[in-house]
Amino acid sequence: MTNIDKWKKYMDGFVSPDCYIEFGFYYMISACLQRRVWCGPDHAPVYPNLYVILTGEPAVGKGLVIKQVATIIKQHKMDNPKEFTTKNLPSIPQNMETYAKVEAEVLAKEDYENAVKHEAGNTQEKEKQKIFEKPLKVPVAADATTYEALTRSMSRAYRRKSYMKFDEVNQKNVPASYGHSSLCFCLEEISSLFRKKTEDIVNFLLVAYDCGDYIYDTKTQGTDKIRKCCLNFFGGTTPNFMHRSFNDALINEGFSSRCFFIFASANRKRPLWIPELTEEQKLCYKDIVEHTAKLCDLFGHVEFTKEANEYLEMWWEDFQSGNRPKTNIKLS
């Protein structure tokens, strides 16, 4: 079984439509990859982040998929690295590989401590009781948030990856670090996000989709600087909310052109209860968790095989021609 087959097997007892389940898998993969994996040329990289909105009437099964995806993403926590400081760094010329290994531990330690500080808060009570969970490897935004809180959350989601980079001048591999601010949303109802300052939120989503830098000057909290941001957006909504809230201004801003709107009109089955998991389903779930854990540490450039690239070129040419099964102007 492929990983998506295992995911579908695990979700078999849920009433959610197949299209919701399938795109839930795609989103889960992209959220775990964050801004650490890319394709295309290095000067114009394409990252795998997605904006997916499950659309349908209440009780169709949007929330069931979103909850399961969020649960798996939140399984992966940052480990507290060993105590390393810059004093532990060996001399670079003597042992490059050892230097890179220790430097990676130093960066991981600093990132872990920063994440703990942001998640646990700075209150004396929390510091006194030391009550906090391990930070998530893939930071997840709050279910109900404001524009200000969202930008602040992403600015605090900074993570770094240590790797070896080829130095053209010295003609050898040297240690380097890659930083990114990646955040993901798993909202059962996106109306909780578009309550206030909708225009500001949409502008932020446009910049975050392109994985650029975002700088926001606040009135009282200083400036939030988000370097190399990356946002994965997964939510649910109803056609009525879209009709009310997605006015011409929002659509023309380009937000809708960056989204996959996955529509379903009914459940794929109607059991009274969601059945207990079988042993096979439990194993499938375990495999999916292990696979996404590996993706959380993956880094680098993706190369397509010749066959895959030829297939994509043919698909893109056909897509650009405008040949589609439904040509109703409302679908534009």
Protein backbone atom coordinates (compact mmCIF):
# COMPACT_ATOMS: atom_id res chain seq x y z
CA MET A 1 0.00 0.00 0.00
CA THR A 2 1.16 3.53 -0.75
CA ASN A 3 0.99 6.16 1.97
CA ILE A 4 -2.16 7.70 0.52
CA ASP A 5 -3.73 4.22 0.39
CA LYS A 6 -2.92 3.82 4.09
CA TRP A 7 -4.45 7.21 4.83
CA LYS A 8 -7.64 6.31 2.96
CA LYS A 9 -7.75 2.97 4.76
CA TYR A 10 -7.44 4.67 8.14
CA MET A 11 -10.20 7.17 7.22
CA ASP A 12 -12.49 4.47 5.81
CA GLY A 13 -14.88 4.58 8.78
CA PHE A 14 -15.45 8.32 8.56
CA VAL A 15 -18.40 9.76 6.65
CA SER A 16 -16.35 12.45 4.91
CA PRO A 17 -16.37 12.50 1.07
CA ASP A 18 -13.39 10.99 -0.73
CA CYS A 19 -12.30 14.37 -2.13
CA TYR A 20 -12.06 15.81 1.41
CA ILE A 21 -10.00 12.84 2.58
CA GLU A 22 -7.67 12.96 -0.41
CA PHE A 23 -6.93 16.68 -0.14
CA GLY A 24 -6.51 16.29 3.61
CA PHE A 25 -3.58 13.99 2.84
CA TYR A 26 -2.04 16.45 0.36
CA TYR A 27 -2.32 19.23 2.91
CA MET A 28 -0.81 17.14 5.69
CA ILE A 29 2.25 16.39 3.55
CA SER A 30 2.77 20.04 2.54
CA ALA A 31 2.35 21.26 6.13
CA CYS A 32 5.06 18.87 7.36
CA LEU A 33 7.47 19.87 4.58
CA GLN A 34 7.10 23.57 5.46
CA ARG A 35 9.59 25.85 3.67
CA ARG A 36 12.43 23.32 3.83
CA VAL A 37 11.74 21.60 0.50
CA TRP A 38 11.41 23.20 -2.91
CA CYS A 39 11.50 22.54 -6.65
CA GLY A 40 12.36 24.72 -9.61
CA PRO A 41 15.50 26.86 -10.00
CA ASP A 42 17.31 28.11 -6.90
CA HIS A 43 16.78 31.76 -7.88
CA ALA A 44 12.99 31.21 -8.16
CA PRO A 45 12.09 28.28 -5.88
CA VAL A 46 8.56 26.86 -5.64
CA TYR A 47 7.55 25.65 -2.17
CA PRO A 48 4.84 23.02 -1.52
CA ASN A 49 2.53 25.09 0.72
CA LEU A 50 -1.19 24.82 0.00
CA TYR A 51 -4.38 26.75 0.72
CA VAL A 52 -7.21 24.19 0.86
CA ILE A 53 -10.79 25.07 1.79
CA LEU A 54 -13.31 22.24 2.17
CA THR A 55 -16.69 23.56 1.08
CA GLY A 56 -20.08 22.04 1.82
CA GLU A 57 -23.17 22.22 3.96
CA PRO A 58 -22.93 21.48 7.71
CA ALA A 59 -22.42 17.80 8.70
CA VAL A 60 -20.92 16.78 5.34
CA GLY A 61 -17.67 15.80 7.09
CA LYS A 62 -15.32 18.76 6.77
CA GLY A 63 -14.37 18.92 10.43
CA LEU A 64 -13.73 15.19 10.70
CA VAL A 65 -10.90 15.37 8.16
CA ILE A 66 -9.49 18.63 9.51
CA LYS A 67 -9.36 17.24 13.06
CA GLN A 68 -7.54 14.07 12.00
CA VAL A 69 -5.00 16.02 9.96
CA ALA A 70 -4.35 18.44 12.83
CA THR A 71 -3.98 15.54 15.29
CA ILE A 72 -1.25 13.91 13.20
CA ILE A 73 0.63 17.17 12.65
CA LYS A 74 0.59 17.86 16.40
CA GLN A 75 2.10 14.44 17.12
CA HIS A 76 5.53 15.75 16.17
CA LYS A 77 7.27 17.65 18.96
CA MET A 78 10.70 19.23 19.23
CA ASP A 79 13.18 17.32 21.38
CA ASN A 80 15.30 19.19 23.90
CA PRO A 81 18.85 18.90 22.49
CA LYS A 82 21.96 18.43 24.59
CA GLU A 83 23.56 21.42 26.25
CA PHE A 84 25.70 23.05 23.59
CA THR A 85 27.14 26.53 23.41
CA THR A 86 29.35 28.32 20.96
CA LYS A 87 32.28 27.33 23.18
CA ASN A 88 31.73 23.73 22.09
CA LEU A 89 32.38 24.57 18.46
CA PRO A 90 35.66 23.06 17.25
CA SER A 91 38.04 24.88 14.97
CA ILE A 92 36.55 24.96 11.48
CA PRO A 93 39.71 24.15 9.48
CA GLN A 94 40.53 21.13 11.65
CA ASN A 95 37.30 19.18 11.40
CA MET A 96 34.53 20.52 9.16
CA GLU A 97 32.10 17.62 9.71
CA THR A 98 32.41 17.79 13.49
CA TYR A 99 31.91 21.55 13.39
CA ALA A 100 28.74 21.18 11.31
CA LYS A 101 27.35 18.50 13.65
CA VAL A 102 27.93 20.55 16.79
CA GLU A 103 26.66 23.74 15.14
CA ALA A 104 23.43 21.92 14.27
CA GLU A 105 23.00 21.03 17.96
CA VAL A 106 23.63 24.64 18.97
CA LEU A 107 20.99 25.95 16.56
CA ALA A 108 18.52 23.25 17.61
CA LYS A 109 19.03 24.13 21.27
CA GLU A 110 18.49 27.84 20.66
CA ASP A 111 15.38 27.21 18.53
CA TYR A 112 13.96 24.87 21.18
CA GLU A 113 14.46 27.41 23.96
CA ASN A 114 12.91 30.19 21.88
CA ALA A 115 9.91 28.00 21.04
CA VAL A 116 9.44 27.06 24.70
CA LYS A 117 9.61 30.72 25.68
CA HIS A 118 6.91 31.68 23.18
CA GLU A 119 4.59 28.76 23.94
CA ALA A 120 4.96 28.75 27.73
CA GLY A 121 4.73 32.51 28.02
CA ASN A 122 6.71 34.80 30.25
CA THR A 123 4.37 34.94 33.24
CA GLN A 124 5.92 34.31 36.62
CA GLU A 125 3.34 31.65 37.42
CA LYS A 126 4.13 29.56 34.35
CA GLU A 127 7.85 30.04 34.88
CA LYS A 128 7.41 28.98 38.49
CA GLN A 129 5.37 25.88 37.73
CA LYS A 130 7.26 25.02 34.52
CA ILE A 131 3.99 23.97 32.93
CA PHE A 132 4.35 23.65 29.19
CA GLU A 133 4.35 21.00 26.52
CA LYS A 134 7.19 20.39 24.12
CA PRO A 135 6.95 22.83 21.21
CA LEU A 136 5.58 21.54 17.93
CA LYS A 137 7.96 20.85 15.06
CA VAL A 138 5.27 22.27 12.78
CA PRO A 139 3.76 25.30 14.56
CA VAL A 140 -0.05 25.38 14.35
CA ALA A 141 -1.98 28.65 14.58
CA ALA A 142 -4.74 29.06 17.15
CA ASP A 143 -8.29 28.12 16.16
CA ALA A 144 -9.56 31.61 16.94
CA THR A 145 -7.10 34.40 16.25
CA THR A 146 -6.78 38.01 15.21
CA TYR A 147 -4.67 39.55 12.49
CA GLU A 148 -2.19 40.87 15.06
CA ALA A 149 -1.96 37.52 16.85
CA LEU A 150 -1.50 35.70 13.54
CA THR A 151 1.45 37.81 12.42
CA ARG A 152 2.97 37.53 15.87
CA SER A 153 2.60 33.74 15.85
CA MET A 154 4.34 33.44 12.50
CA SER A 155 7.17 35.75 13.54
CA ARG A 156 7.76 33.44 16.52
CA ALA A 157 7.65 30.26 14.44
CA TYR A 158 11.24 30.72 13.27
CA ARG A 159 13.20 27.47 12.89
CA ARG A 160 16.68 26.75 11.51
CA LYS A 161 18.23 23.84 9.67
CA SER A 162 21.97 23.21 9.58
CA TYR A 163 23.43 21.71 6.40
CA MET A 164 26.61 21.50 4.31
CA LYS A 165 26.89 23.93 1.41
CA PHE A 166 29.41 23.87 -1.43
CA ASP A 167 31.62 26.98 -1.38
CA GLU A 168 32.42 28.04 -4.96
CA VAL A 169 35.38 30.17 -3.85
CA ASN A 170 37.14 27.55 -1.74
CA GLN A 171 35.79 24.61 -3.75
CA LYS A 172 34.71 22.60 -0.73
CA ASN A 173 31.69 21.95 1.51
CA VAL A 174 31.22 24.35 4.42
CA PRO A 175 28.60 24.50 7.21
CA ALA A 176 25.56 26.72 6.60
CA SER A 177 22.19 27.28 8.24
CA TYR A 178 18.77 27.78 6.66
CA GLY A 179 16.08 29.69 8.56
CA HIS A 180 12.35 29.89 7.87
CA SER A 181 9.11 30.96 9.54
CA SER A 182 6.54 28.28 8.73
CA LEU A 183 3.05 28.10 10.20
CA CYS A 184 -0.04 26.06 9.43
CA PHE A 185 -3.77 26.58 9.97
CA CYS A 186 -6.32 23.86 10.62
CA LEU A 187 -9.65 25.69 11.00
CA GLU A 188 -12.93 23.82 11.02
CA GLU A 189 -14.67 27.08 10.16
CA ILE A 190 -12.70 29.83 8.42
CA SER A 191 -15.26 32.45 9.47
CA SER A 192 -13.37 32.58 12.80
CA LEU A 193 -10.42 34.07 10.90
CA PHE A 194 -12.30 36.51 8.66
CA ARG A 195 -14.12 38.32 11.45
CA LYS A 196 -12.11 41.52 11.71
CA LYS A 197 -9.57 43.31 9.52
CA THR A 198 -10.44 41.04 6.62
CA GLU A 199 -8.51 43.14 4.12
CA ASP A 200 -5.33 43.02 6.23
CA ILE A 201 -5.67 39.26 6.68
CA VAL A 202 -6.13 38.70 2.95
CA ASN A 203 -3.06 40.82 2.15
CA PHE A 204 -1.06 38.81 4.66
CA LEU A 205 -2.27 35.53 3.16
CA LEU A 206 -1.19 36.68 -0.30
CA VAL A 207 2.35 37.45 0.85
CA ALA A 208 2.59 34.28 2.94
CA TYR A 209 1.50 32.14 -0.01
CA ASP A 210 4.45 33.38 -2.07
CA CYS A 211 6.82 32.60 0.85
CA GLY A 212 8.42 36.03 0.92
CA ASP A 213 9.20 38.41 3.80
CA TYR A 214 6.45 40.24 5.69
CA ILE A 215 6.93 43.27 7.96
CA TYR A 216 4.06 44.63 10.06
CA ASP A 217 4.35 47.79 12.18
CA THR A 218 2.05 47.66 15.20
CA LYS A 219 0.83 50.64 17.21
CA THR A 220 2.00 49.42 20.62
CA GLN A 221 3.91 46.14 20.15
CA GLY A 222 6.71 47.32 17.87
CA THR A 223 7.44 45.68 14.52
CA ASP A 224 6.82 42.03 13.62
CA LYS A 225 9.40 40.92 11.07
CA ILE A 226 8.68 37.61 9.38
CA ARG A 227 11.61 36.35 7.33
CA LYS A 228 11.09 33.63 4.73
CA CYS A 229 7.50 33.01 5.78
CA CYS A 230 5.47 30.02 4.64
CA LEU A 231 1.82 29.38 5.44
CA ASN A 232 -0.25 26.25 4.93
CA PHE A 233 -3.97 26.94 5.20
CA PHE A 234 -6.60 24.21 5.73
CA GLY A 235 -10.16 25.15 6.61
CA GLY A 236 -13.81 24.42 6.16
CA THR A 237 -16.71 26.64 5.20
CA THR A 238 -20.22 26.62 3.82
CA PRO A 239 -21.45 28.00 0.48
CA ASN A 240 -23.55 30.54 2.39
CA PHE A 241 -20.50 32.01 4.12
CA MET A 242 -18.62 32.20 0.84
CA HIS A 243 -21.57 33.98 -0.75
CA ARG A 244 -21.72 36.49 2.13
CA SER A 245 -18.06 37.17 2.72
CA PHE A 246 -16.10 36.54 -0.46
CA ASN A 247 -17.08 39.78 -2.13
CA ASP A 248 -15.56 41.07 -5.34
CA ALA A 249 -12.80 42.89 -3.48
CA LEU A 250 -11.57 39.70 -1.83
CA ILE A 251 -11.75 37.66 -5.01
CA ASN A 252 -10.02 40.33 -7.08
CA GLU A 253 -7.25 40.55 -4.50
CA GLY A 254 -6.16 37.13 -5.72
CA PHE A 255 -6.91 35.11 -2.60
CA SER A 256 -9.34 32.75 -4.29
CA SER A 257 -6.92 32.05 -7.16
CA ARG A 258 -4.47 30.65 -4.61
CA CYS A 259 -6.99 28.29 -3.02
CA PHE A 260 -8.24 24.82 -3.76
CA PHE A 261 -11.99 24.91 -3.05
CA ILE A 262 -12.97 21.26 -2.56
CA PHE A 263 -16.74 20.93 -2.79
CA ALA A 264 -18.94 18.00 -1.81
CA SER A 265 -22.72 17.92 -1.55
CA ALA A 266 -23.18 14.86 0.70
CA ASN A 267 -21.49 12.27 2.89
CA ARG A 268 -20.14 9.18 1.15
CA LYS A 269 -21.85 6.97 3.77
CA ARG A 270 -24.34 7.47 6.60
CA PRO A 271 -23.62 5.11 9.53
CA LEU A 272 -25.08 5.87 12.95
CA TRP A 273 -21.65 5.55 14.64
CA ILE A 274 -18.08 5.82 13.44
CA PRO A 275 -16.79 2.25 13.86
CA GLU A 276 -13.84 1.26 16.03
CA LEU A 277 -10.48 1.03 14.26
CA THR A 278 -9.40 -2.35 13.00
CA GLU A 279 -5.88 -3.63 13.62
CA GLU A 280 -5.04 -2.89 9.99
CA GLN A 281 -6.25 0.68 10.36
CA LYS A 282 -4.18 1.14 13.52
CA LEU A 283 -1.07 -0.01 11.64
CA CYS A 284 -1.88 2.35 8.76
CA TYR A 285 -2.19 5.25 11.22
CA LYS A 286 1.15 4.34 12.80
CA ASP A 287 2.83 4.27 9.38
CA ILE A 288 1.39 7.68 8.45
CA VAL A 289 2.66 9.20 11.71
CA GLU A 290 6.13 7.73 11.10
CA HIS A 291 6.18 8.95 7.50
CA THR A 292 5.17 12.53 8.41
CA ALA A 293 7.80 12.51 11.18
CA LYS A 294 10.47 11.93 8.53
CA LEU A 295 9.05 14.75 6.41
CA CYS A 296 9.41 17.15 9.36
CA ASP A 297 13.21 16.83 9.08
CA LEU A 298 13.54 16.71 5.29
CA PHE A 299 15.54 19.48 3.61
CA GLY A 300 16.64 20.29 0.10
CA HIS A 301 15.84 20.65 -3.58
CA VAL A 302 13.47 18.22 -5.32
CA GLU A 303 14.34 16.95 -8.80
CA PHE A 304 11.65 15.41 -11.00
CA THR A 305 12.43 12.37 -13.10
CA LYS A 306 12.39 12.86 -16.86
CA GLU A 307 9.10 10.94 -17.16
CA ALA A 308 7.45 12.94 -14.38
CA ASN A 309 8.56 16.24 -15.87
CA GLU A 310 7.27 15.29 -19.33
CA TYR A 311 3.92 14.30 -17.83
CA LEU A 312 3.66 17.62 -15.96
CA GLU A 313 4.53 19.59 -19.11
CA MET A 314 1.75 17.81 -21.04
CA TRP A 315 -0.72 18.34 -18.19
CA TRP A 316 0.17 22.04 -17.92
CA GLU A 317 -0.21 22.61 -21.65
CA ASP A 318 -3.64 21.01 -21.59
CA PHE A 319 -4.64 22.99 -18.49
CA GLN A 320 -3.54 26.28 -20.04
CA SER A 321 -5.62 25.57 -23.14
CA GLY A 322 -8.77 26.03 -21.07
CA ASN A 323 -10.19 22.58 -21.84
CA ARG A 324 -12.24 21.74 -18.78
CA PRO A 325 -15.40 19.68 -18.28
CA LYS A 326 -17.41 22.51 -16.71
CA THR A 327 -17.38 25.85 -18.49
CA ASN A 328 -20.05 27.71 -16.54
CA ILE A 329 -18.93 31.33 -16.08
CA LYS A 330 -19.67 31.13 -12.34
CA LEU A 331 -16.84 28.60 -11.96
CA SER A 332 -14.30 31.12 -13.28
